[in-house]
C-alpha atoms as a PDB file:
ATOM      1  CA  MET A   1     -27.749 -22.342 -23.010  1.00  0.00           C
ATOM      2  CA  ALA A   2     -29.563 -18.981 -23.090  1.00  0.00           C
ATOM      3  CA  VAL A   3     -30.463 -19.333 -19.408  1.00  0.00           C
ATOM      4  CA  GLN A   4     -26.832 -19.947 -18.500  1.00  0.00           C
ATOM      5  CA  ASN A   5     -25.658 -16.859 -20.418  1.00  0.00           C
ATOM      6  CA  THR A   6     -28.373 -14.754 -18.799  1.00  0.00           C
ATOM      7  CA  ALA A   7     -27.375 -16.023 -15.339  1.00  0.00           C
ATOM      8  CA  LEU A   8     -23.754 -15.069 -15.996  1.00  0.00           C
ATOM      9  CA  LEU A   9     -24.797 -11.669 -17.256  1.00  0.00           C
ATOM     10  CA  VAL A  10     -27.173 -10.969 -14.352  1.00  0.00           C
ATOM     11  CA  PHE A  11     -25.062 -12.283 -11.458  1.00  0.00           C
ATOM     12  CA  LEU A  12     -21.418 -12.314 -12.485  1.00  0.00           C
ATOM     13  CA  PHE A  13     -21.185  -9.129 -14.573  1.00  0.00           C
ATOM     14  CA  PRO A  14     -22.227  -6.763 -11.681  1.00  0.00           C
ATOM     15  CA  VAL A  15     -19.648  -8.384  -9.381  1.00  0.00           C
ATOM     16  CA  VAL A  16     -16.844  -7.946 -11.918  1.00  0.00           C
ATOM     17  CA  MET A  17     -17.896  -4.359 -12.664  1.00  0.00           C
ATOM     18  CA  GLY A  18     -18.162  -3.548  -8.936  1.00  0.00           C
ATOM     19  CA  ILE A  19     -14.644  -4.811  -8.268  1.00  0.00           C
ATOM     20  CA  ALA A  20     -13.279  -2.925 -11.284  1.00  0.00           C
ATOM     21  CA  PHE A  21     -15.047   0.316 -10.308  1.00  0.00           C
ATOM     22  CA  GLY A  22     -13.957  -0.039  -6.655  1.00  0.00           C
ATOM     23  CA  GLY A  23     -10.343  -0.594  -7.732  1.00  0.00           C
ATOM     24  CA  PHE A  24     -10.511   2.476  -9.965  1.00  0.00           C
ATOM     25  CA  VAL A  25     -11.887   4.659  -7.141  1.00  0.00           C
ATOM     26  CA  LEU A  26      -9.383   3.300  -4.606  1.00  0.00           C
ATOM     27  CA  SER A  27      -6.441   3.929  -6.928  1.00  0.00           C
ATOM     28  CA  GLY A  28      -7.676   7.489  -7.477  1.00  0.00           C
ATOM     29  CA  VAL A  29      -7.904   8.112  -3.744  1.00  0.00           C
ATOM     30  CA  LEU A  30      -4.479   6.633  -3.034  1.00  0.00           C
ATOM     31  CA  THR A  31      -2.797   8.867  -5.623  1.00  0.00           C
ATOM     32  CA  GLN A  32      -3.772  11.934  -3.596  1.00  0.00           C
ATOM     33  CA  PRO A  33      -0.985  13.371  -1.406  1.00  0.00           C
ATOM     34  CA  ASP A  34      -0.864  12.300   2.268  1.00  0.00           C
ATOM     35  CA  ARG A  35      -2.941   9.158   1.611  1.00  0.00           C
ATOM     36  CA  GLU A  36      -1.881   5.612   2.383  1.00  0.00           C
ATOM     37  CA  LEU A  37      -3.471   2.206   2.624  1.00  0.00           C
ATOM     38  CA  ASN A  38      -3.048   0.828   6.146  1.00  0.00           C
ATOM     39  CA  MET A  39      -4.169  -2.797   6.156  1.00  0.00           C
ATOM     40  CA  TRP A  40      -3.191  -3.404   9.823  1.00  0.00           C
ATOM     41  CA  PRO A  41      -4.204  -0.286  11.772  1.00  0.00           C
ATOM     42  CA  PHE A  42      -3.535  -1.913  15.162  1.00  0.00           C
ATOM     43  CA  GLU A  43       0.046  -3.079  14.608  1.00  0.00           C
ATOM     44  CA  ASN A  44       1.599  -0.585  17.073  1.00  0.00           C
ATOM     45  CA  ILE A  45      -1.040  -0.935  19.777  1.00  0.00           C
ATOM     46  CA  PHE A  46       1.340  -2.331  22.418  1.00  0.00           C
ATOM     47  CA  ILE A  47       4.099   0.253  21.982  1.00  0.00           C
ATOM     48  CA  PRO A  48       4.037   2.774  24.852  1.00  0.00           C
ATOM     49  CA  THR A  49       3.309   6.297  23.726  1.00  0.00           C
ATOM     50  CA  GLN A  50       5.228   9.403  24.665  1.00  0.00           C
ATOM     51  CA  PRO A  51       3.545  11.886  27.000  1.00  0.00           C
ATOM     52  CA  VAL A  52       1.522  14.449  25.093  1.00  0.00           C
ATOM     53  CA  ILE A  53       2.742  18.035  25.261  1.00  0.00           C
ATOM     54  CA  LYS A  54      -0.231  20.333  25.301  1.00  0.00           C
ATOM     55  CA  ASP A  55      -0.204  23.163  22.788  1.00  0.00           C
ATOM     56  CA  LEU A  56      -1.858  25.487  25.322  1.00  0.00           C
ATOM     57  CA  VAL A  57      -1.280  25.428  29.070  1.00  0.00           C
ATOM     58  CA  ILE A  58      -3.338  27.455  31.552  1.00  0.00           C
ATOM     59  CA  GLN A  59      -1.223  28.853  34.400  1.00  0.00           C
ATOM     60  CA  GLY A  60      -2.571  30.181  37.662  1.00  0.00           C
ATOM     61  CA  LEU A  61      -6.060  28.653  37.554  1.00  0.00           C
ATOM     62  CA  LEU A  62      -7.164  27.301  40.922  1.00  0.00           C
ATOM     63  CA  SER A  63      -9.680  24.510  41.366  1.00  0.00           C
ATOM     64  CA  GLN A  64     -11.976  26.751  43.419  1.00  0.00           C
ATOM     65  CA  TYR A  65     -12.509  30.434  44.114  1.00  0.00           C
ATOM     66  CA  SER A  66     -14.662  32.382  46.521  1.00  0.00           C
ATOM     67  CA  VAL A  67     -17.457  34.581  45.185  1.00  0.00           C
ATOM     68  CA  SER A  68     -16.124  37.904  43.829  1.00  0.00           C
ATOM     69  CA  ALA A  69     -12.495  36.717  43.933  1.00  0.00           C
ATOM     70  CA  ASN A  70     -10.320  37.651  40.965  1.00  0.00           C
ATOM     71  CA  ILE A  71      -9.645  34.849  38.515  1.00  0.00           C
ATOM     72  CA  GLU A  72      -6.283  35.685  36.991  1.00  0.00           C
ATOM     73  CA  ILE A  73      -4.562  33.366  34.538  1.00  0.00           C
ATOM     74  CA  LYS A  74      -1.769  33.316  31.998  1.00  0.00           C
ATOM     75  CA  ILE A  75      -1.529  31.109  28.920  1.00  0.00           C
ATOM     76  CA  ILE A  76       1.610  29.332  27.695  1.00  0.00           C
ATOM     77  CA  VAL A  77       1.778  28.385  23.988  1.00  0.00           C
ATOM     78  CA  ASN A  78       3.931  25.338  23.163  1.00  0.00           C
ATOM     79  CA  ASN A  79       3.304  25.297  19.407  1.00  0.00           C
ATOM     80  CA  SER A  80       5.568  27.334  17.123  1.00  0.00           C
ATOM     81  CA  ASP A  81       2.800  27.587  14.486  1.00  0.00           C
ATOM     82  CA  PHE A  82       1.046  30.007  16.837  1.00  0.00           C
ATOM     83  CA  ASP A  83       3.848  32.524  17.424  1.00  0.00           C
ATOM     84  CA  CYS A  84       1.445  35.251  16.334  1.00  0.00           C
ATOM     85  CA  GLY A  85      -2.336  35.211  16.551  1.00  0.00           C
ATOM     86  CA  ASP A  86      -5.470  36.057  18.466  1.00  0.00           C
ATOM     87  CA  LEU A  87      -6.229  34.665  21.927  1.00  0.00           C
ATOM     88  CA  TYR A  88      -9.789  34.208  23.188  1.00  0.00           C
ATOM     89  CA  ILE A  89     -10.651  33.279  26.773  1.00  0.00           C
ATOM     90  CA  THR A  90     -14.248  32.412  27.665  1.00  0.00           C
ATOM     91  CA  ILE A  91     -15.786  31.355  30.980  1.00  0.00           C
ATOM     92  CA  TYR A  92     -18.966  29.257  30.785  1.00  0.00           C
ATOM     93  CA  ASP A  93     -21.453  28.518  33.562  1.00  0.00           C
ATOM     94  CA  THR A  94     -21.968  24.748  33.408  1.00  0.00           C
ATOM     95  CA  THR A  95     -24.577  24.519  36.174  1.00  0.00           C
ATOM     96  CA  ALA A  96     -27.365  25.547  33.792  1.00  0.00           C
ATOM     97  CA  SER A  97     -28.926  23.032  31.394  1.00  0.00           C
ATOM     98  CA  THR A  98     -27.071  24.724  28.522  1.00  0.00           C
ATOM     99  CA  LYS A  99     -23.654  26.309  28.876  1.00  0.00           C
ATOM    100  CA  GLN A 100     -23.958  30.069  29.244  1.00  0.00           C
ATOM    101  CA  ALA A 101     -21.019  32.392  28.599  1.00  0.00           C
ATOM    102  CA  VAL A 102     -20.305  34.431  31.724  1.00  0.00           C
ATOM    103  CA  ALA A 103     -17.216  36.292  30.510  1.00  0.00           C
ATOM    104  CA  GLN A 104     -15.303  36.494  27.263  1.00  0.00           C
ATOM    105  CA  ASN A 105     -12.091  38.346  26.507  1.00  0.00           C
ATOM    106  CA  GLY A 106     -10.179  38.667  23.246  1.00  0.00           C
ATOM    107  CA  PHE A 107      -6.514  39.554  23.024  1.00  0.00           C
ATOM    108  CA  PHE A 108      -5.532  40.375  19.462  1.00  0.00           C
ATOM    109  CA  SER A 109      -2.136  40.202  17.729  1.00  0.00           C
ATOM    110  CA  GLN A 110      -0.392  38.238  20.449  1.00  0.00           C
ATOM    111  CA  CYS A 111       3.040  37.933  18.786  1.00  0.00           C
ATOM    112  CA  PHE A 112       6.180  36.588  20.416  1.00  0.00           C
ATOM    113  CA  SER A 113       9.474  35.204  19.167  1.00  0.00           C
ATOM    114  CA  THR A 114      10.010  32.291  21.543  1.00  0.00           C
ATOM    115  CA  ASN A 115       7.797  29.625  23.037  1.00  0.00           C
ATOM    116  CA  LYS A 116       6.814  29.535  26.688  1.00  0.00           C
ATOM    117  CA  LEU A 117       6.001  33.241  26.798  1.00  0.00           C
ATOM    118  CA  ALA A 118       2.992  33.947  29.013  1.00  0.00           C
ATOM    119  CA  LEU A 119      -0.013  35.417  27.217  1.00  0.00           C
ATOM    120  CA  PRO A 120      -1.715  37.850  27.087  1.00  0.00           C
ATOM    121  CA  ILE A 121       1.282  40.052  26.329  1.00  0.00           C
ATOM    122  CA  ASP A 122       1.232  43.477  28.036  1.00  0.00           C
ATOM    123  CA  ASP A 123      -2.233  42.721  29.405  1.00  0.00           C
ATOM    124  CA  THR A 124      -3.958  40.695  32.115  1.00  0.00           C
ATOM    125  CA  PHE A 125      -6.910  38.339  32.104  1.00  0.00           C
ATOM    126  CA  SER A 126      -8.828  39.055  35.292  1.00  0.00           C
ATOM    127  CA  GLU A 127     -12.496  38.291  35.907  1.00  0.00           C
ATOM    128  CA  LYS A 128     -14.782  38.211  38.939  1.00  0.00           C
ATOM    129  CA  ILE A 129     -17.719  35.832  39.169  1.00  0.00           C
ATOM    130  CA  ASP A 130     -20.494  36.814  41.557  1.00  0.00           C
ATOM    131  CA  LYS A 131     -22.485  33.577  41.458  1.00  0.00           C
ATOM    132  CA  ALA A 132     -21.515  30.275  43.071  1.00  0.00           C
ATOM    133  CA  GLY A 133     -21.410  27.284  40.756  1.00  0.00           C
ATOM    134  CA  GLU A 134     -19.373  25.159  38.378  1.00  0.00           C
ATOM    135  CA  TYR A 135     -17.559  26.892  35.537  1.00  0.00           C
ATOM    136  CA  GLU A 136     -15.524  25.925  32.504  1.00  0.00           C
ATOM    137  CA  LEU A 137     -12.690  28.042  31.135  1.00  0.00           C
ATOM    138  CA  VAL A 138     -12.093  27.684  27.377  1.00  0.00           C
ATOM    139  CA  VAL A 139      -8.910  29.090  25.841  1.00  0.00           C
ATOM    140  CA  GLU A 140      -8.654  29.324  22.060  1.00  0.00           C
ATOM    141  CA  MET A 141      -5.709  30.551  20.001  1.00  0.00           C
ATOM    142  CA  ASN A 142      -6.007  31.254  16.276  1.00  0.00           C
ATOM    143  CA  ASP A 143      -2.984  31.699  14.048  1.00  0.00           C
ATOM    144  CA  SER A 144      -2.535  34.996  12.227  1.00  0.00           C
ATOM    145  CA  ASP A 145      -4.202  33.637   9.060  1.00  0.00           C
ATOM    146  CA  TYR A 146      -7.155  32.069  10.941  1.00  0.00           C
ATOM    147  CA  LYS A 147      -6.387  28.733   9.294  1.00  0.00           C
ATOM    148  CA  LYS A 148      -5.378  26.858  12.456  1.00  0.00           C
ATOM    149  CA  THR A 149      -6.858  26.828  15.944  1.00  0.00           C
ATOM    150  CA  ILE A 150      -5.754  25.231  19.202  1.00  0.00           C
ATOM    151  CA  THR A 151      -7.999  24.945  22.240  1.00  0.00           C
ATOM    152  CA  THR A 152      -7.787  23.833  25.841  1.00  0.00           C
ATOM    153  CA  THR A 153     -10.335  23.752  28.655  1.00  0.00           C
ATOM    154  CA  ALA A 154     -10.297  23.598  32.440  1.00  0.00           C
ATOM    155  CA  LYS A 155     -13.010  23.450  35.091  1.00  0.00           C
ATOM    156  CA  PHE A 156     -13.230  25.259  38.402  1.00  0.00           C
ATOM    157  CA  ARG A 157     -15.751  26.061  41.137  1.00  0.00           C
ATOM    158  CA  VAL A 158     -16.902  29.273  42.724  1.00  0.00           C
ATOM    159  CA  LEU A 159     -18.078  28.838  46.325  1.00  0.00           C
END
């Protein structure tokens, strides 16, 4: 009889305690705001999705440029959370083994009242690249509190 009680204590007690502790932790997590238990995460897999509207759109970027040609672009913001913030535009050389920044511009306090306004406001992004190769343009917009960031990238060549 003592062996049977020991077996129950050694094997069954940890299982019961594990389930109880797991239930306690799970209930604590699910009481947090914006949490839900999704038992079937793939239930809407066959429903067609709507086209994604990009938060940042690069206007005026060509797929290739000649050496020393001006690269001039404008940025369109489609997210109302970013009606005021700082805009950073960086060009990276991707032909090297590690990406090297070739040019970086910052445009601060870019504030506008309506969407679809071309940025930078009252300024121009214009760069010349003197070396042929493959390049990546990275555009980053921070909100005025620096709590949110949106980013987009595009690639181009210089011949």
